[in-house]
C-alpha atoms as a PDB file:
ATOM      1  CA  MET A   1       0.000   0.000   0.000  1.00  0.00           C
ATOM      2  CA  LEU A   2       2.813   2.418   0.937  1.00  0.00           C
ATOM      3  CA  GLU A   3       6.231   2.288  -0.707  1.00  0.00           C
ATOM      4  CA  VAL A   4       9.004   4.685   0.318  1.00  0.00           C
ATOM      5  CA  ARG A   5      12.250   4.603  -1.647  1.00  0.00           C
ATOM      6  CA  GLY A   6      15.448   6.580  -1.070  1.00  0.00           C
ATOM      7  CA  LEU A   7      13.691   9.169   1.084  1.00  0.00           C
ATOM      8  CA  ARG A   8      15.822  12.090   2.186  1.00  0.00           C
ATOM      9  CA  VAL A   9      14.474  14.888   4.394  1.00  0.00           C
ATOM     10  CA  SER A  10      16.261  18.078   5.397  1.00  0.00           C
ATOM     11  CA  TYR A  11      15.630  21.110   7.556  1.00  0.00           C
ATOM     12  CA  GLY A  12      17.595  23.788   5.778  1.00  0.00           C
ATOM     13  CA  PRO A  13      21.117  22.448   5.168  1.00  0.00           C
ATOM     14  CA  ILE A  14      20.776  19.704   7.803  1.00  0.00           C
ATOM     15  CA  GLU A  15      19.687  16.314   6.479  1.00  0.00           C
ATOM     16  CA  VAL A  16      17.784  14.288   9.077  1.00  0.00           C
ATOM     17  CA  VAL A  17      16.605  11.289   7.006  1.00  0.00           C
ATOM     18  CA  HIS A  18      19.279   9.658   4.853  1.00  0.00           C
ATOM     19  CA  GLY A  19      17.802   7.733   1.940  1.00  0.00           C
ATOM     20  CA  ILE A  20      15.552   5.216   3.695  1.00  0.00           C
ATOM     21  CA  ASP A  21      13.362   2.506   2.170  1.00  0.00           C
ATOM     22  CA  LEU A  22      10.239   1.150   3.861  1.00  0.00           C
ATOM     23  CA  ASP A  23       7.005  -0.607   2.949  1.00  0.00           C
ATOM     24  CA  VAL A  24       3.567  -0.970   4.517  1.00  0.00           C
ATOM     25  CA  LYS A  25       1.294  -3.681   3.174  1.00  0.00           C
ATOM     26  CA  GLU A  26      -2.483  -3.508   3.261  1.00  0.00           C
ATOM     27  CA  GLY A  27      -3.864  -4.569   6.644  1.00  0.00           C
ATOM     28  CA  GLU A  28      -0.509  -4.403   8.424  1.00  0.00           C
ATOM     29  CA  CYS A  29       0.537  -2.485  11.498  1.00  0.00           C
ATOM     30  CA  VAL A  30       4.089  -1.282  10.928  1.00  0.00           C
ATOM     31  CA  ALA A  31       6.025   0.425  13.740  1.00  0.00           C
ATOM     32  CA  LEU A  32       8.951   2.820  13.533  1.00  0.00           C
ATOM     33  CA  ILE A  33      11.011   2.786  16.713  1.00  0.00           C
ATOM     34  CA  GLY A  34      14.182   4.537  17.808  1.00  0.00           C
ATOM     35  CA  ALA A  35      15.491   7.353  19.968  1.00  0.00           C
ATOM     36  CA  ASN A  36      14.274  10.941  19.848  1.00  0.00           C
ATOM     37  CA  GLY A  37      15.724  12.743  16.834  1.00  0.00           C
ATOM     38  CA  ALA A  38      16.273   9.545  14.861  1.00  0.00           C
ATOM     39  CA  GLY A  39      14.119  10.731  11.938  1.00  0.00           C
ATOM     40  CA  LYS A  40      10.872   8.865  12.588  1.00  0.00           C
ATOM     41  CA  SER A  41       8.493  11.805  12.828  1.00  0.00           C
ATOM     42  CA  SER A  42      10.211  13.583   9.924  1.00  0.00           C
ATOM     43  CA  THR A  43       9.533  10.501   7.814  1.00  0.00           C
ATOM     44  CA  LEU A  44       5.848  10.621   8.749  1.00  0.00           C
ATOM     45  CA  LYS A  45       5.618  14.324   7.967  1.00  0.00           C
ATOM     46  CA  ALA A  46       7.150  13.770   4.529  1.00  0.00           C
ATOM     47  CA  ILE A  47       4.645  10.999   3.818  1.00  0.00           C
ATOM     48  CA  CYS A  48       1.764  13.284   4.874  1.00  0.00           C
ATOM     49  CA  GLY A  49       2.949  16.273   2.846  1.00  0.00           C
ATOM     50  CA  LEU A  50       3.736  18.401   5.905  1.00  0.00           C
ATOM     51  CA  ILE A  51       7.386  18.802   4.902  1.00  0.00           C
ATOM     52  CA  LYS A  52       9.099  18.376   1.546  1.00  0.00           C
ATOM     53  CA  ALA A  53      11.178  15.351   0.656  1.00  0.00           C
ATOM     54  CA  ARG A  54      14.625  16.424  -0.520  1.00  0.00           C
ATOM     55  CA  ASP A  55      14.964  13.283  -2.618  1.00  0.00           C
ATOM     56  CA  GLY A  56      13.379   9.885  -3.127  1.00  0.00           C
ATOM     57  CA  SER A  57       9.826   8.764  -3.837  1.00  0.00           C
ATOM     58  CA  ILE A  58       6.656   7.999  -1.886  1.00  0.00           C
ATOM     59  CA  ARG A  59       3.984   5.854  -3.548  1.00  0.00           C
ATOM     60  CA  PHE A  60       0.582   5.097  -2.065  1.00  0.00           C
ATOM     61  CA  ASP A  61      -1.909   2.707  -3.619  1.00  0.00           C
ATOM     62  CA  GLY A  62       0.185   2.715  -6.789  1.00  0.00           C
ATOM     63  CA  GLN A  63       0.209   6.518  -7.120  1.00  0.00           C
ATOM     64  CA  ASP A  64       3.199   8.821  -6.680  1.00  0.00           C
ATOM     65  CA  ILE A  65       2.330  11.199  -3.820  1.00  0.00           C
ATOM     66  CA  THR A  66       5.833  12.620  -3.292  1.00  0.00           C
ATOM     67  CA  ASN A  67       5.625  16.246  -2.122  1.00  0.00           C
ATOM     68  CA  GLN A  68       1.905  16.539  -2.751  1.00  0.00           C
ATOM     69  CA  ALA A  69       0.001  19.002  -0.556  1.00  0.00           C
ATOM     70  CA  GLY A  70      -1.331  17.731   2.758  1.00  0.00           C
ATOM     71  CA  HIS A  71      -4.996  18.044   1.778  1.00  0.00           C
ATOM     72  CA  ALA A  72      -4.317  15.976  -1.359  1.00  0.00           C
ATOM     73  CA  ILE A  73      -2.695  13.279   0.780  1.00  0.00           C
ATOM     74  CA  VAL A  74      -5.814  13.132   2.975  1.00  0.00           C
ATOM     75  CA  ARG A  75      -8.043  12.781  -0.085  1.00  0.00           C
ATOM     76  CA  ALA A  76      -5.782   9.979  -1.318  1.00  0.00           C
ATOM     77  CA  GLY A  77      -6.625   8.042   1.861  1.00  0.00           C
ATOM     78  CA  ILE A  78      -3.966   8.854   4.484  1.00  0.00           C
ATOM     79  CA  THR A  79      -4.709  10.529   7.808  1.00  0.00           C
ATOM     80  CA  MET A  80      -2.458  11.241  10.781  1.00  0.00           C
ATOM     81  CA  CYS A  81      -3.039  11.414  14.514  1.00  0.00           C
ATOM     82  CA  PRO A  82      -0.322  14.001  15.199  1.00  0.00           C
ATOM     83  CA  GLU A  83       2.085  14.133  18.088  1.00  0.00           C
ATOM     84  CA  GLY A  84       0.541  16.103  20.943  1.00  0.00           C
ATOM     85  CA  ARG A  85      -3.039  15.385  19.756  1.00  0.00           C
ATOM     86  CA  GLN A  86      -3.488  18.922  18.285  1.00  0.00           C
ATOM     87  CA  VAL A  87      -7.240  19.042  18.742  1.00  0.00           C
ATOM     88  CA  PHE A  88      -9.048  22.322  18.055  1.00  0.00           C
ATOM     89  CA  PRO A  89      -9.267  23.528  21.674  1.00  0.00           C
ATOM     90  CA  GLN A  90     -12.113  26.042  21.346  1.00  0.00           C
ATOM     91  CA  MET A  91     -14.337  23.694  19.331  1.00  0.00           C
ATOM     92  CA  ASN A  92     -16.457  21.116  21.095  1.00  0.00           C
ATOM     93  CA  VAL A  93     -15.947  17.383  20.697  1.00  0.00           C
ATOM     94  CA  VAL A  94     -18.566  16.914  17.977  1.00  0.00           C
ATOM     95  CA  LYS A  95     -17.167  19.739  15.844  1.00  0.00           C
ATOM     96  CA  ASN A  96     -13.652  18.293  16.209  1.00  0.00           C
ATOM     97  CA  LEU A  97     -14.883  14.929  14.983  1.00  0.00           C
ATOM     98  CA  ARG A  98     -16.689  16.517  12.055  1.00  0.00           C
ATOM     99  CA  MET A  99     -13.473  18.292  11.056  1.00  0.00           C
ATOM    100  CA  GLY A 100     -12.005  14.868  10.329  1.00  0.00           C
ATOM    101  CA  ALA A 101     -14.555  14.437   7.541  1.00  0.00           C
ATOM    102  CA  TYR A 102     -14.018  17.846   5.919  1.00  0.00           C
ATOM    103  CA  ALA A 103     -12.805  16.297   2.644  1.00  0.00           C
ATOM    104  CA  ARG A 104     -15.752  13.905   2.351  1.00  0.00           C
ATOM    105  CA  THR A 105     -18.823  14.541   0.232  1.00  0.00           C
ATOM    106  CA  ASP A 106     -20.832  11.376   0.985  1.00  0.00           C
ATOM    107  CA  ASP A 107     -23.972  11.089   3.110  1.00  0.00           C
ATOM    108  CA  ALA A 108     -22.591   8.688   5.743  1.00  0.00           C
ATOM    109  CA  GLN A 109     -20.880  11.235   7.961  1.00  0.00           C
ATOM    110  CA  ALA A 110     -23.675  11.286  10.552  1.00  0.00           C
ATOM    111  CA  SER A 111     -23.614   7.500  10.930  1.00  0.00           C
ATOM    112  CA  ASP A 112     -19.819   7.538  11.188  1.00  0.00           C
ATOM    113  CA  LEU A 113     -20.057  10.180  13.901  1.00  0.00           C
ATOM    114  CA  GLU A 114     -22.376   7.880  15.851  1.00  0.00           C
ATOM    115  CA  GLU A 115     -19.930   5.023  15.330  1.00  0.00           C
ATOM    116  CA  MET A 116     -17.121   7.115  16.848  1.00  0.00           C
ATOM    117  CA  MET A 117     -19.341   7.943  19.828  1.00  0.00           C
ATOM    118  CA  ASP A 118     -20.045   4.233  20.280  1.00  0.00           C
ATOM    119  CA  MET A 119     -16.356   3.382  19.949  1.00  0.00           C
ATOM    120  CA  PHE A 120     -15.353   6.083  22.462  1.00  0.00           C
ATOM    121  CA  PRO A 121     -18.224   6.445  24.987  1.00  0.00           C
ATOM    122  CA  ILE A 122     -16.340   9.185  26.844  1.00  0.00           C
ATOM    123  CA  LEU A 123     -16.644  11.364  23.727  1.00  0.00           C
ATOM    124  CA  ARG A 124     -20.414  11.006  23.808  1.00  0.00           C
ATOM    125  CA  GLN A 125     -20.372  12.128  27.441  1.00  0.00           C
ATOM    126  CA  ARG A 126     -18.186  15.105  26.501  1.00  0.00           C
ATOM    127  CA  ALA A 127     -19.937  15.853  23.175  1.00  0.00           C
ATOM    128  CA  GLY A 128     -20.647  19.522  23.890  1.00  0.00           C
ATOM    129  CA  GLN A 129     -17.464  20.194  25.841  1.00  0.00           C
ATOM    130  CA  ALA A 130     -14.582  22.271  24.451  1.00  0.00           C
ATOM    131  CA  ALA A 131     -11.818  19.907  23.356  1.00  0.00           C
ATOM    132  CA  GLY A 132      -9.166  21.961  25.144  1.00  0.00           C
ATOM    133  CA  THR A 133     -10.747  21.104  28.498  1.00  0.00           C
ATOM    134  CA  LEU A 134     -10.442  17.335  27.999  1.00  0.00           C
ATOM    135  CA  SER A 135      -7.760  15.256  29.696  1.00  0.00           C
ATOM    136  CA  GLY A 136      -4.766  14.125  27.671  1.00  0.00           C
ATOM    137  CA  GLY A 137      -6.204  10.631  27.273  1.00  0.00           C
ATOM    138  CA  GLU A 138      -9.583  11.979  26.199  1.00  0.00           C
ATOM    139  CA  GLN A 139      -7.907  14.255  23.664  1.00  0.00           C
ATOM    140  CA  GLU A 140      -6.018  11.269  22.239  1.00  0.00           C
ATOM    141  CA  MET A 141      -9.278   9.372  21.790  1.00  0.00           C
ATOM    142  CA  LEU A 142     -10.719  12.450  20.108  1.00  0.00           C
ATOM    143  CA  ALA A 143      -7.709  12.718  17.774  1.00  0.00           C
ATOM    144  CA  ILE A 144      -8.058   9.044  16.830  1.00  0.00           C
ATOM    145  CA  GLY A 145     -11.804   9.430  16.250  1.00  0.00           C
ATOM    146  CA  ARG A 146     -11.205  12.550  14.159  1.00  0.00           C
ATOM    147  CA  ALA A 147      -8.700  10.674  11.979  1.00  0.00           C
ATOM    148  CA  LEU A 148     -11.101   7.757  11.508  1.00  0.00           C
ATOM    149  CA  MET A 149     -13.852  10.160  10.410  1.00  0.00           C
ATOM    150  CA  ALA A 150     -11.883  10.633   7.190  1.00  0.00           C
ATOM    151  CA  ARG A 151     -12.350   6.914   6.426  1.00  0.00           C
ATOM    152  CA  PRO A 152      -8.615   6.499   5.749  1.00  0.00           C
ATOM    153  CA  LYS A 153      -7.010   3.545   4.015  1.00  0.00           C
ATOM    154  CA  LEU A 154      -3.814   4.229   6.010  1.00  0.00           C
ATOM    155  CA  CYS A 155      -3.914   5.648   9.529  1.00  0.00           C
ATOM    156  CA  ILE A 156      -0.670   7.134  10.862  1.00  0.00           C
ATOM    157  CA  PHE A 157      -0.071   7.532  14.597  1.00  0.00           C
ATOM    158  CA  ASP A 158       2.746   9.837  15.751  1.00  0.00           C
ATOM    159  CA  GLU A 159       3.625   9.265  19.421  1.00  0.00           C
ATOM    160  CA  PRO A 160       0.056   8.516  20.599  1.00  0.00           C
ATOM    161  CA  SER A 161       1.090   7.745  24.196  1.00  0.00           C
ATOM    162  CA  LEU A 162       3.311  10.808  24.662  1.00  0.00           C
ATOM    163  CA  GLY A 163       2.771  12.450  28.055  1.00  0.00           C
ATOM    164  CA  LEU A 164       0.033  10.084  29.186  1.00  0.00           C
ATOM    165  CA  ALA A 165      -0.232   8.151  32.458  1.00  0.00           C
ATOM    166  CA  PRO A 166       0.624   4.417  32.276  1.00  0.00           C
ATOM    167  CA  LYS A 167      -3.021   3.335  32.604  1.00  0.00           C
ATOM    168  CA  ILE A 168      -4.014   5.618  29.723  1.00  0.00           C
ATOM    169  CA  VAL A 169      -1.064   4.390  27.646  1.00  0.00           C
ATOM    170  CA  ALA A 170      -2.466   0.867  27.947  1.00  0.00           C
ATOM    171  CA  GLU A 171      -5.891   2.123  26.817  1.00  0.00           C
ATOM    172  CA  VAL A 172      -4.316   3.828  23.796  1.00  0.00           C
ATOM    173  CA  GLY A 173      -2.600   0.568  22.876  1.00  0.00           C
ATOM    174  CA  GLU A 174      -5.923  -1.272  23.115  1.00  0.00           C
ATOM    175  CA  THR A 175      -7.550   1.384  20.933  1.00  0.00           C
ATOM    176  CA  ILE A 176      -4.919   1.043  18.220  1.00  0.00           C
ATOM    177  CA  GLU A 177      -5.465  -2.704  18.329  1.00  0.00           C
ATOM    178  CA  ARG A 178      -9.198  -2.101  17.814  1.00  0.00           C
ATOM    179  CA  VAL A 179      -8.449   0.184  14.857  1.00  0.00           C
ATOM    180  CA  LYS A 180      -6.338  -2.589  13.357  1.00  0.00           C
ATOM    181  CA  GLY A 181      -9.220  -4.993  13.971  1.00  0.00           C
ATOM    182  CA  MET A 182     -11.418  -2.697  11.853  1.00  0.00           C
ATOM    183  CA  GLY A 183      -9.197  -3.624   8.904  1.00  0.00           C
ATOM    184  CA  LYS A 184      -7.256  -0.351   8.873  1.00  0.00           C
ATOM    185  CA  THR A 185      -3.637  -0.271   7.780  1.00  0.00           C
ATOM    186  CA  ILE A 186      -1.465   1.419  10.421  1.00  0.00           C
ATOM    187  CA  LEU A 187       1.916   3.142  10.475  1.00  0.00           C
ATOM    188  CA  LEU A 188       2.955   3.817  14.074  1.00  0.00           C
ATOM    189  CA  VAL A 189       5.716   5.912  15.634  1.00  0.00           C
ATOM    190  CA  GLU A 190       5.848   5.286  19.365  1.00  0.00           C
ATOM    191  CA  GLN A 191       8.443   5.920  22.096  1.00  0.00           C
ATOM    192  CA  ASN A 192       6.984   3.051  24.119  1.00  0.00           C
ATOM    193  CA  SER A 193       8.877   0.510  22.046  1.00  0.00           C
ATOM    194  CA  LEU A 194       7.509  -2.520  23.874  1.00  0.00           C
ATOM    195  CA  MET A 195       3.914  -1.496  23.175  1.00  0.00           C
ATOM    196  CA  ALA A 196       4.775  -0.641  19.560  1.00  0.00           C
ATOM    197  CA  LEU A 197       6.457  -3.987  18.891  1.00  0.00           C
ATOM    198  CA  ARG A 198       3.607  -5.909  20.509  1.00  0.00           C
ATOM    199  CA  LEU A 199       1.148  -4.177  18.188  1.00  0.00           C
ATOM    200  CA  ALA A 200       3.312  -4.387  15.078  1.00  0.00           C
ATOM    201  CA  ASP A 201       3.307  -7.041  12.382  1.00  0.00           C
ATOM    202  CA  ARG A 202       6.625  -5.577  11.229  1.00  0.00           C
ATOM    203  CA  ALA A 203       8.930  -2.864  12.517  1.00  0.00           C
ATOM    204  CA  TYR A 204      11.866  -0.689  11.514  1.00  0.00           C
ATOM    205  CA  LEU A 205      14.548   0.580  13.902  1.00  0.00           C
ATOM    206  CA  PHE A 206      15.780   4.105  13.158  1.00  0.00           C
ATOM    207  CA  GLU A 207      19.152   5.431  14.260  1.00  0.00           C
ATOM    208  CA  ALA A 208      20.504   8.835  13.215  1.00  0.00           C
ATOM    209  CA  GLY A 209      18.237   9.121  10.193  1.00  0.00           C
ATOM    210  CA  GLU A 210      18.835   5.617   8.892  1.00  0.00           C
ATOM    211  CA  ILE A 211      17.057   2.283   9.188  1.00  0.00           C
ATOM    212  CA  VAL A 212      19.493  -0.094  10.850  1.00  0.00           C
ATOM    213  CA  LEU A 213      17.228  -3.068  11.535  1.00  0.00           C
ATOM    214  CA  GLU A 214      13.900  -4.426  10.335  1.00  0.00           C
ATOM    215  CA  GLY A 215      11.820  -7.511  10.955  1.00  0.00           C
ATOM    216  CA  THR A 216       8.620  -8.703  12.569  1.00  0.00           C
ATOM    217  CA  GLY A 217       7.543  -7.218  15.860  1.00  0.00           C
ATOM    218  CA  GLU A 218       8.485 -10.467  17.589  1.00  0.00           C
ATOM    219  CA  GLU A 219      11.913 -10.575  15.942  1.00  0.00           C
ATOM    220  CA  LEU A 220      12.783  -7.073  17.094  1.00  0.00           C
ATOM    221  CA  GLN A 221      11.484  -7.755  20.608  1.00  0.00           C
ATOM    222  CA  SER A 222      13.882 -10.673  20.899  1.00  0.00           C
ATOM    223  CA  HIS A 223      16.842  -8.937  19.233  1.00  0.00           C
ATOM    224  CA  PRO A 224      19.508  -8.410  21.945  1.00  0.00           C
ATOM    225  CA  GLU A 225      20.449  -4.871  20.906  1.00  0.00           C
ATOM    226  CA  VAL A 226      16.814  -3.743  20.753  1.00  0.00           C
ATOM    227  CA  ALA A 227      16.016  -5.418  24.062  1.00  0.00           C
ATOM    228  CA  LYS A 228      18.949  -3.705  25.767  1.00  0.00           C
ATOM    229  CA  ALA A 229      18.604  -0.231  24.271  1.00  0.00           C
ATOM    230  CA  TYR A 230      14.831   0.158  23.919  1.00  0.00           C
ATOM    231  CA  LEU A 231      13.033  -2.444  26.018  1.00  0.00           C
ATOM    232  CA  GLY A 232      14.983  -2.138  29.245  1.00  0.00           C
ATOM    233  CA  HIS A 233      16.180  -5.734  29.501  1.00  0.00           C
END
């Protein structure tokens, strides 16, 4: 579904992603793990059209989407749950959810909104509440629901557990598993490497802007270097 080849990303003269290759197949959950500053989030932003690729190609569903505008990427079928949730704080929960469907023209948006309320009962309870007053965990559920309202083929999660309490982190992991169970294809960047590898069918390890290791989630969990550096054992 997603094919990245020779991707290079720079901020000014500083290159932060050095010619990586990665693939995501339909129905998979693929995780990108590694230390802060390794190039994971920059890779996601290039895929989503939020920053320009300096070189290389990005193909989605057989189409070249390299350096297309962000709104065109959404219409192609990719949505992102961004790092830090980035809900619209002054809008209420329902309006935030509806924003996820801004590019849609079909008549099923109302039924999808009800589905999100069923999937996240806390959002139904908070329906009229300003999103900025929600807890971090509630905002993450809202961000996930908003992304799903676009009916994406590929759902990208950038650090979904960042800044959340351990109990809420576990709930976020369960939610991503439910999204996968809906048949969605997932690309996940997550500092909680153990959770990411448990969720992942396959994973890539980033170091200093390069992919240094890849394999199934189980293979990377059992790899001695990954276990020592990222899993704490």
